[in-house]
């Protein structure tokens, strides 16, 4: 997840729309 956000080339940097579907972000949390 960090590697998709902290990308020098902004054209390859993830959007928040993409991050919302991110595997780590959508793991079950209490």
ModelCIF file with pLDDT and N, C-alpha, C, O atoms, coordinates in Angstrom:
data_MODEL
#
_entry.id   MODEL 
#
_entity.id                         1 
_entity.type                       polymer 
_entity.pdbx_number_of_molecules   1 
#
_entity_poly.entity_id                      1 
_entity_poly.type                           'polypeptide(L)' 
_entity_poly.nstd_linkage                   no 
_entity_poly.nstd_monomer                   no 
_entity_poly.pdbx_seq_one_letter_code       
;(UNK)(UNK)(UNK)(UNK)(UNK)(UNK)(UNK)(UNK)(UNK)(UNK)(UNK)(UNK)(UNK)(UNK)(UNK)(UNK)
(UNK)(UNK)(UNK)(UNK)(UNK)(UNK)(UNK)(UNK)(UNK)(UNK)(UNK)(UNK)(UNK)(UNK)
;
_entity_poly.pdbx_seq_one_letter_code_can   XXXXXXXXXXXXXXXXXXXXXXXXXXXXXX 
_entity_poly.pdbx_strand_id                 A 
#
loop_
_entity_poly_seq.entity_id 
_entity_poly_seq.num 
_entity_poly_seq.mon_id 
_entity_poly_seq.hetero 
1 1  UNK n 
1 2  UNK n 
1 3  UNK n 
1 4  UNK n 
1 5  UNK n 
1 6  UNK n 
1 7  UNK n 
1 8  UNK n 
1 9  UNK n 
1 10 UNK n 
1 11 UNK n 
1 12 UNK n 
1 13 UNK n 
1 14 UNK n 
1 15 UNK n 
1 16 UNK n 
1 17 UNK n 
1 18 UNK n 
1 19 UNK n 
1 20 UNK n 
1 21 UNK n 
1 22 UNK n 
1 23 UNK n 
1 24 UNK n 
1 25 UNK n 
1 26 UNK n 
1 27 UNK n 
1 28 UNK n 
1 29 UNK n 
1 30 UNK n 
#
_struct_asym.id          A 
_struct_asym.entity_id   1 
#
loop_
_ma_qa_metric.id 
_ma_qa_metric.mode 
_ma_qa_metric.name 
_ma_qa_metric.software_group_id 
_ma_qa_metric.type 
1 global pLDDT . pLDDT 
2 local  pLDDT . pLDDT 
#
_ma_qa_metric_global.metric_id      1 
_ma_qa_metric_global.metric_value   89.70 
_ma_qa_metric_global.model_id       1 
_ma_qa_metric_global.ordinal_id     1 
#
loop_
_ma_qa_metric_local.label_asym_id 
_ma_qa_metric_local.label_comp_id 
_ma_qa_metric_local.label_seq_id 
_ma_qa_metric_local.metric_id 
_ma_qa_metric_local.metric_value 
_ma_qa_metric_local.model_id 
_ma_qa_metric_local.ordinal_id 
A UNK 1  2 96.00 1 1  
A UNK 2  2 97.00 1 2  
A UNK 3  2 96.00 1 3  
A UNK 4  2 96.00 1 4  
A UNK 5  2 96.00 1 5  
A UNK 6  2 97.00 1 6  
A UNK 7  2 95.00 1 7  
A UNK 8  2 95.00 1 8  
A UNK 9  2 93.00 1 9  
A UNK 10 2 92.00 1 10 
A UNK 11 2 92.00 1 11 
A UNK 12 2 94.00 1 12 
A UNK 13 2 94.00 1 13 
A UNK 14 2 93.00 1 14 
A UNK 15 2 92.00 1 15 
A UNK 16 2 93.00 1 16 
A UNK 17 2 91.00 1 17 
A UNK 18 2 92.00 1 18 
A UNK 19 2 93.00 1 19 
A UNK 20 2 91.00 1 20 
A UNK 21 2 91.00 1 21 
A UNK 22 2 93.00 1 22 
A UNK 23 2 93.00 1 23 
A UNK 24 2 95.00 1 24 
A UNK 25 2 94.00 1 25 
A UNK 26 2 92.00 1 26 
A UNK 27 2 87.00 1 27 
A UNK 28 2 74.00 1 28 
A UNK 29 2 49.00 1 29 
A UNK 30 2 45.00 1 30 
#
loop_
_atom_site.group_PDB 
_atom_site.id 
_atom_site.type_symbol 
_atom_site.label_atom_id 
_atom_site.label_alt_id 
_atom_site.label_comp_id 
_atom_site.label_asym_id 
_atom_site.label_entity_id 
_atom_site.label_seq_id 
_atom_site.pdbx_PDB_ins_code 
_atom_site.Cartn_x 
_atom_site.Cartn_y 
_atom_site.Cartn_z 
_atom_site.occupancy 
_atom_site.B_iso_or_equiv 
_atom_site.pdbx_formal_charge 
_atom_site.auth_seq_id 
_atom_site.auth_comp_id 
_atom_site.auth_asym_id 
_atom_site.auth_atom_id 
_atom_site.pdbx_PDB_model_num 
ATOM 1   N N  . UNK A 1 1  ? 0.837   -1.206 0.000   1.00 96.00 ? 1  UNK A N  1 
ATOM 2   C CA . UNK A 1 1  ? 0.000   0.000  0.000   1.00 96.00 ? 1  UNK A CA 1 
ATOM 3   C C  . UNK A 1 1  ? 0.871   1.255  0.000   1.00 96.00 ? 1  UNK A C  1 
ATOM 4   O O  . UNK A 1 1  ? 0.621   2.196  -0.753  1.00 96.00 ? 1  UNK A O  1 
ATOM 5   N N  . UNK A 1 2  ? 1.886   1.257  0.846   1.00 97.00 ? 2  UNK A N  1 
ATOM 6   C CA . UNK A 1 2  ? 2.797   2.394  0.903   1.00 97.00 ? 2  UNK A CA 1 
ATOM 7   C C  . UNK A 1 2  ? 3.477   2.622  -0.448  1.00 97.00 ? 2  UNK A C  1 
ATOM 8   O O  . UNK A 1 2  ? 3.652   3.761  -0.880  1.00 97.00 ? 2  UNK A O  1 
ATOM 9   N N  . UNK A 1 3  ? 3.851   1.549  -1.096  1.00 96.00 ? 3  UNK A N  1 
ATOM 10  C CA . UNK A 1 3  ? 4.555   1.660  -2.387  1.00 96.00 ? 3  UNK A CA 1 
ATOM 11  C C  . UNK A 1 3  ? 3.643   2.155  -3.507  1.00 96.00 ? 3  UNK A C  1 
ATOM 12  O O  . UNK A 1 3  ? 4.133   2.640  -4.527  1.00 96.00 ? 3  UNK A O  1 
ATOM 13  N N  . UNK A 1 4  ? 2.337   2.043  -3.338  1.00 96.00 ? 4  UNK A N  1 
ATOM 14  C CA . UNK A 1 4  ? 1.424   2.569  -4.354  1.00 96.00 ? 4  UNK A CA 1 
ATOM 15  C C  . UNK A 1 4  ? 1.108   4.048  -4.127  1.00 96.00 ? 4  UNK A C  1 
ATOM 16  O O  . UNK A 1 4  ? 0.663   4.748  -5.037  1.00 96.00 ? 4  UNK A O  1 
ATOM 17  N N  . UNK A 1 5  ? 1.344   4.510  -2.896  1.00 96.00 ? 5  UNK A N  1 
ATOM 18  C CA . UNK A 1 5  ? 1.080   5.910  -2.552  1.00 96.00 ? 5  UNK A CA 1 
ATOM 19  C C  . UNK A 1 5  ? 2.306   6.794  -2.740  1.00 96.00 ? 5  UNK A C  1 
ATOM 20  O O  . UNK A 1 5  ? 2.217   7.880  -3.312  1.00 96.00 ? 5  UNK A O  1 
ATOM 21  N N  . UNK A 1 6  ? 3.450   6.322  -2.255  1.00 97.00 ? 6  UNK A N  1 
ATOM 22  C CA . UNK A 1 6  ? 4.678   7.123  -2.280  1.00 97.00 ? 6  UNK A CA 1 
ATOM 23  C C  . UNK A 1 6  ? 5.458   6.847  -3.563  1.00 97.00 ? 6  UNK A C  1 
ATOM 24  O O  . UNK A 1 6  ? 6.556   6.290  -3.543  1.00 97.00 ? 6  UNK A O  1 
ATOM 25  N N  . UNK A 1 7  ? 4.859   7.252  -4.668  1.00 95.00 ? 7  UNK A N  1 
ATOM 26  C CA . UNK A 1 7  ? 5.423   7.038  -5.996  1.00 95.00 ? 7  UNK A CA 1 
ATOM 27  C C  . UNK A 1 7  ? 5.854   8.380  -6.579  1.00 95.00 ? 7  UNK A C  1 
ATOM 28  O O  . UNK A 1 7  ? 5.051   9.308  -6.670  1.00 95.00 ? 7  UNK A O  1 
ATOM 29  N N  . UNK A 1 8  ? 7.108   8.479  -6.971  1.00 95.00 ? 8  UNK A N  1 
ATOM 30  C CA . UNK A 1 8  ? 7.635   9.730  -7.506  1.00 95.00 ? 8  UNK A CA 1 
ATOM 31  C C  . UNK A 1 8  ? 6.847   10.186 -8.730  1.00 95.00 ? 8  UNK A C  1 
ATOM 32  O O  . UNK A 1 8  ? 6.445   11.346 -8.824  1.00 95.00 ? 8  UNK A O  1 
ATOM 33  N N  . UNK A 1 9  ? 6.633   9.270  -9.661  1.00 93.00 ? 9  UNK A N  1 
ATOM 34  C CA . UNK A 1 9  ? 5.892   9.586  -10.887 1.00 93.00 ? 9  UNK A CA 1 
ATOM 35  C C  . UNK A 1 9  ? 4.413   9.689  -10.547 1.00 93.00 ? 9  UNK A C  1 
ATOM 36  O O  . UNK A 1 9  ? 3.756   8.676  -10.305 1.00 93.00 ? 9  UNK A O  1 
ATOM 37  N N  . UNK A 1 10 ? 3.890   10.904 -10.528 1.00 92.00 ? 10 UNK A N  1 
ATOM 38  C CA . UNK A 1 10 ? 2.504   11.086 -10.082 1.00 92.00 ? 10 UNK A CA 1 
ATOM 39  C C  . UNK A 1 10 ? 1.493   10.423 -10.999 1.00 92.00 ? 10 UNK A C  1 
ATOM 40  O O  . UNK A 1 10 ? 0.374   10.132 -10.576 1.00 92.00 ? 10 UNK A O  1 
ATOM 41  N N  . UNK A 1 11 ? 1.875   10.174 -12.266 1.00 92.00 ? 11 UNK A N  1 
ATOM 42  C CA . UNK A 1 11 ? 0.956   9.493  -13.182 1.00 92.00 ? 11 UNK A CA 1 
ATOM 43  C C  . UNK A 1 11 ? 0.781   8.028  -12.784 1.00 92.00 ? 11 UNK A C  1 
ATOM 44  O O  . UNK A 1 11 ? -0.184  7.382  -13.192 1.00 92.00 ? 11 UNK A O  1 
ATOM 45  N N  . UNK A 1 12 ? 1.719   7.505  -11.984 1.00 94.00 ? 12 UNK A N  1 
ATOM 46  C CA . UNK A 1 12 ? 1.646   6.118  -11.523 1.00 94.00 ? 12 UNK A CA 1 
ATOM 47  C C  . UNK A 1 12 ? 1.241   6.029  -10.048 1.00 94.00 ? 12 UNK A C  1 
ATOM 48  O O  . UNK A 1 12 ? 1.086   4.936  -9.501  1.00 94.00 ? 12 UNK A O  1 
ATOM 49  N N  . UNK A 1 13 ? 1.074   7.171  -9.427  1.00 94.00 ? 13 UNK A N  1 
ATOM 50  C CA . UNK A 1 13 ? 0.660   7.213  -8.019  1.00 94.00 ? 13 UNK A CA 1 
ATOM 51  C C  . UNK A 1 13 ? -0.811  6.840  -7.918  1.00 94.00 ? 13 UNK A C  1 
ATOM 52  O O  . UNK A 1 13 ? -1.627  7.318  -8.705  1.00 94.00 ? 13 UNK A O  1 
ATOM 53  N N  . UNK A 1 14 ? -1.152  6.003  -6.970  1.00 93.00 ? 14 UNK A N  1 
ATOM 54  C CA . UNK A 1 14 ? -2.539  5.557  -6.842  1.00 93.00 ? 14 UNK A CA 1 
ATOM 55  C C  . UNK A 1 14 ? -3.457  6.720  -6.482  1.00 93.00 ? 14 UNK A C  1 
ATOM 56  O O  . UNK A 1 14 ? -3.064  7.633  -5.756  1.00 93.00 ? 14 UNK A O  1 
ATOM 57  N N  . UNK A 1 15 ? -4.666  6.676  -6.990  1.00 92.00 ? 15 UNK A N  1 
ATOM 58  C CA . UNK A 1 15 ? -5.693  7.621  -6.567  1.00 92.00 ? 15 UNK A CA 1 
ATOM 59  C C  . UNK A 1 15 ? -6.368  7.065  -5.325  1.00 92.00 ? 15 UNK A C  1 
ATOM 60  O O  . UNK A 1 15 ? -6.220  5.883  -5.016  1.00 92.00 ? 15 UNK A O  1 
ATOM 61  N N  . UNK A 1 16 ? -7.103  7.899  -4.614  1.00 93.00 ? 16 UNK A N  1 
ATOM 62  C CA . UNK A 1 16 ? -7.803  7.416  -3.428  1.00 93.00 ? 16 UNK A CA 1 
ATOM 63  C C  . UNK A 1 16 ? -8.928  6.455  -3.809  1.00 93.00 ? 16 UNK A C  1 
ATOM 64  O O  . UNK A 1 16 ? -9.302  5.590  -3.018  1.00 93.00 ? 16 UNK A O  1 
ATOM 65  N N  . UNK A 1 17 ? -9.461  6.605  -5.008  1.00 91.00 ? 17 UNK A N  1 
ATOM 66  C CA . UNK A 1 17 ? -10.484 5.669  -5.494  1.00 91.00 ? 17 UNK A CA 1 
ATOM 67  C C  . UNK A 1 17 ? -9.905  4.265  -5.594  1.00 91.00 ? 17 UNK A C  1 
ATOM 68  O O  . UNK A 1 17 ? -10.567 3.280  -5.265  1.00 91.00 ? 17 UNK A O  1 
ATOM 69  N N  . UNK A 1 18 ? -8.663  4.189  -6.052  1.00 92.00 ? 18 UNK A N  1 
ATOM 70  C CA . UNK A 1 18 ? -7.980  2.890  -6.131  1.00 92.00 ? 18 UNK A CA 1 
ATOM 71  C C  . UNK A 1 18 ? -7.631  2.385  -4.737  1.00 92.00 ? 18 UNK A C  1 
ATOM 72  O O  . UNK A 1 18 ? -7.795  1.201  -4.441  1.00 92.00 ? 18 UNK A O  1 
ATOM 73  N N  . UNK A 1 19 ? -7.152  3.280  -3.883  1.00 93.00 ? 19 UNK A N  1 
ATOM 74  C CA . UNK A 1 19 ? -6.760  2.890  -2.530  1.00 93.00 ? 19 UNK A CA 1 
ATOM 75  C C  . UNK A 1 19 ? -7.950  2.334  -1.746  1.00 93.00 ? 19 UNK A C  1 
ATOM 76  O O  . UNK A 1 19 ? -7.772  1.459  -0.899  1.00 93.00 ? 19 UNK A O  1 
ATOM 77  N N  . UNK A 1 20 ? -9.146  2.824  -2.011  1.00 91.00 ? 20 UNK A N  1 
ATOM 78  C CA . UNK A 1 20 ? -10.326 2.314  -1.315  1.00 91.00 ? 20 UNK A CA 1 
ATOM 79  C C  . UNK A 1 20 ? -10.521 0.812  -1.543  1.00 91.00 ? 20 UNK A C  1 
ATOM 80  O O  . UNK A 1 20 ? -11.128 0.127  -0.720  1.00 91.00 ? 20 UNK A O  1 
ATOM 81  N N  . UNK A 1 21 ? -9.998  0.307  -2.670  1.00 91.00 ? 21 UNK A N  1 
ATOM 82  C CA . UNK A 1 21 ? -10.125 -1.124 -2.992  1.00 91.00 ? 21 UNK A CA 1 
ATOM 83  C C  . UNK A 1 21 ? -8.865  -1.903 -2.601  1.00 91.00 ? 21 UNK A C  1 
ATOM 84  O O  . UNK A 1 21 ? -8.733  -3.090 -2.902  1.00 91.00 ? 21 UNK A O  1 
ATOM 85  N N  . UNK A 1 22 ? -7.950  -1.212 -1.929  1.00 93.00 ? 22 UNK A N  1 
ATOM 86  C CA . UNK A 1 22 ? -6.663  -1.807 -1.576  1.00 93.00 ? 22 UNK A CA 1 
ATOM 87  C C  . UNK A 1 22 ? -6.835  -3.013 -0.646  1.00 93.00 ? 22 UNK A C  1 
ATOM 88  O O  . UNK A 1 22 ? -7.685  -3.008 0.245   1.00 93.00 ? 22 UNK A O  1 
ATOM 89  N N  . UNK A 1 23 ? -6.023  -4.034 -0.867  1.00 93.00 ? 23 UNK A N  1 
ATOM 90  C CA . UNK A 1 23 ? -6.120  -5.282 -0.101  1.00 93.00 ? 23 UNK A CA 1 
ATOM 91  C C  . UNK A 1 23 ? -5.908  -5.048 1.385   1.00 93.00 ? 23 UNK A C  1 
ATOM 92  O O  . UNK A 1 23 ? -6.697  -5.520 2.203   1.00 93.00 ? 23 UNK A O  1 
ATOM 93  N N  . UNK A 1 24 ? -4.848  -4.321 1.748   1.00 95.00 ? 24 UNK A N  1 
ATOM 94  C CA . UNK A 1 24 ? -4.562  -4.090 3.170   1.00 95.00 ? 24 UNK A CA 1 
ATOM 95  C C  . UNK A 1 24 ? -5.672  -3.269 3.822   1.00 95.00 ? 24 UNK A C  1 
ATOM 96  O O  . UNK A 1 24 ? -6.098  -3.569 4.937   1.00 95.00 ? 24 UNK A O  1 
ATOM 97  N N  . UNK A 1 25 ? -6.134  -2.240 3.130   1.00 94.00 ? 25 UNK A N  1 
ATOM 98  C CA . UNK A 1 25 ? -7.145  -1.353 3.688   1.00 94.00 ? 25 UNK A CA 1 
ATOM 99  C C  . UNK A 1 25 ? -8.449  -2.093 3.962   1.00 94.00 ? 25 UNK A C  1 
ATOM 100 O O  . UNK A 1 25 ? -9.182  -1.734 4.883   1.00 94.00 ? 25 UNK A O  1 
ATOM 101 N N  . UNK A 1 26 ? -8.739  -3.107 3.183   1.00 92.00 ? 26 UNK A N  1 
ATOM 102 C CA . UNK A 1 26 ? -10.018 -3.805 3.291   1.00 92.00 ? 26 UNK A CA 1 
ATOM 103 C C  . UNK A 1 26 ? -9.944  -5.102 4.080   1.00 92.00 ? 26 UNK A C  1 
ATOM 104 O O  . UNK A 1 26 ? -10.898 -5.880 4.100   1.00 92.00 ? 26 UNK A O  1 
ATOM 105 N N  . UNK A 1 27 ? -8.820  -5.331 4.722   1.00 87.00 ? 27 UNK A N  1 
ATOM 106 C CA . UNK A 1 27 ? -8.773  -6.458 5.657   1.00 87.00 ? 27 UNK A CA 1 
ATOM 107 C C  . UNK A 1 27 ? -9.689  -6.158 6.833   1.00 87.00 ? 27 UNK A C  1 
ATOM 108 O O  . UNK A 1 27 ? -9.928  -4.998 7.169   1.00 87.00 ? 27 UNK A O  1 
ATOM 109 N N  . UNK A 1 28 ? -10.190 -7.195 7.444   1.00 74.00 ? 28 UNK A N  1 
ATOM 110 C CA . UNK A 1 28 ? -11.117 -7.000 8.560   1.00 74.00 ? 28 UNK A CA 1 
ATOM 111 C C  . UNK A 1 28 ? -10.407 -6.343 9.736   1.00 74.00 ? 28 UNK A C  1 
ATOM 112 O O  . UNK A 1 28 ? -9.336  -6.776 10.162  1.00 74.00 ? 28 UNK A O  1 
ATOM 113 N N  . UNK A 1 29 ? -11.030 -5.290 10.248  1.00 49.00 ? 29 UNK A N  1 
ATOM 114 C CA . UNK A 1 29 ? -10.526 -4.628 11.447  1.00 49.00 ? 29 UNK A CA 1 
ATOM 115 C C  . UNK A 1 29 ? -11.638 -4.584 12.476  1.00 49.00 ? 29 UNK A C  1 
ATOM 116 O O  . UNK A 1 29 ? -12.809 -4.428 12.130  1.00 49.00 ? 29 UNK A O  1 
ATOM 117 N N  . UNK A 1 30 ? -11.279 -4.719 13.718  1.00 45.00 ? 30 UNK A N  1 
ATOM 118 C CA . UNK A 1 30 ? -12.274 -4.614 14.768  1.00 45.00 ? 30 UNK A CA 1 
ATOM 119 C C  . UNK A 1 30 ? -12.866 -3.205 14.794  1.00 45.00 ? 30 UNK A C  1 
ATOM 120 O O  . UNK A 1 30 ? -13.733 -2.915 15.620  1.00 45.00 ? 30 UNK A O  1 
#
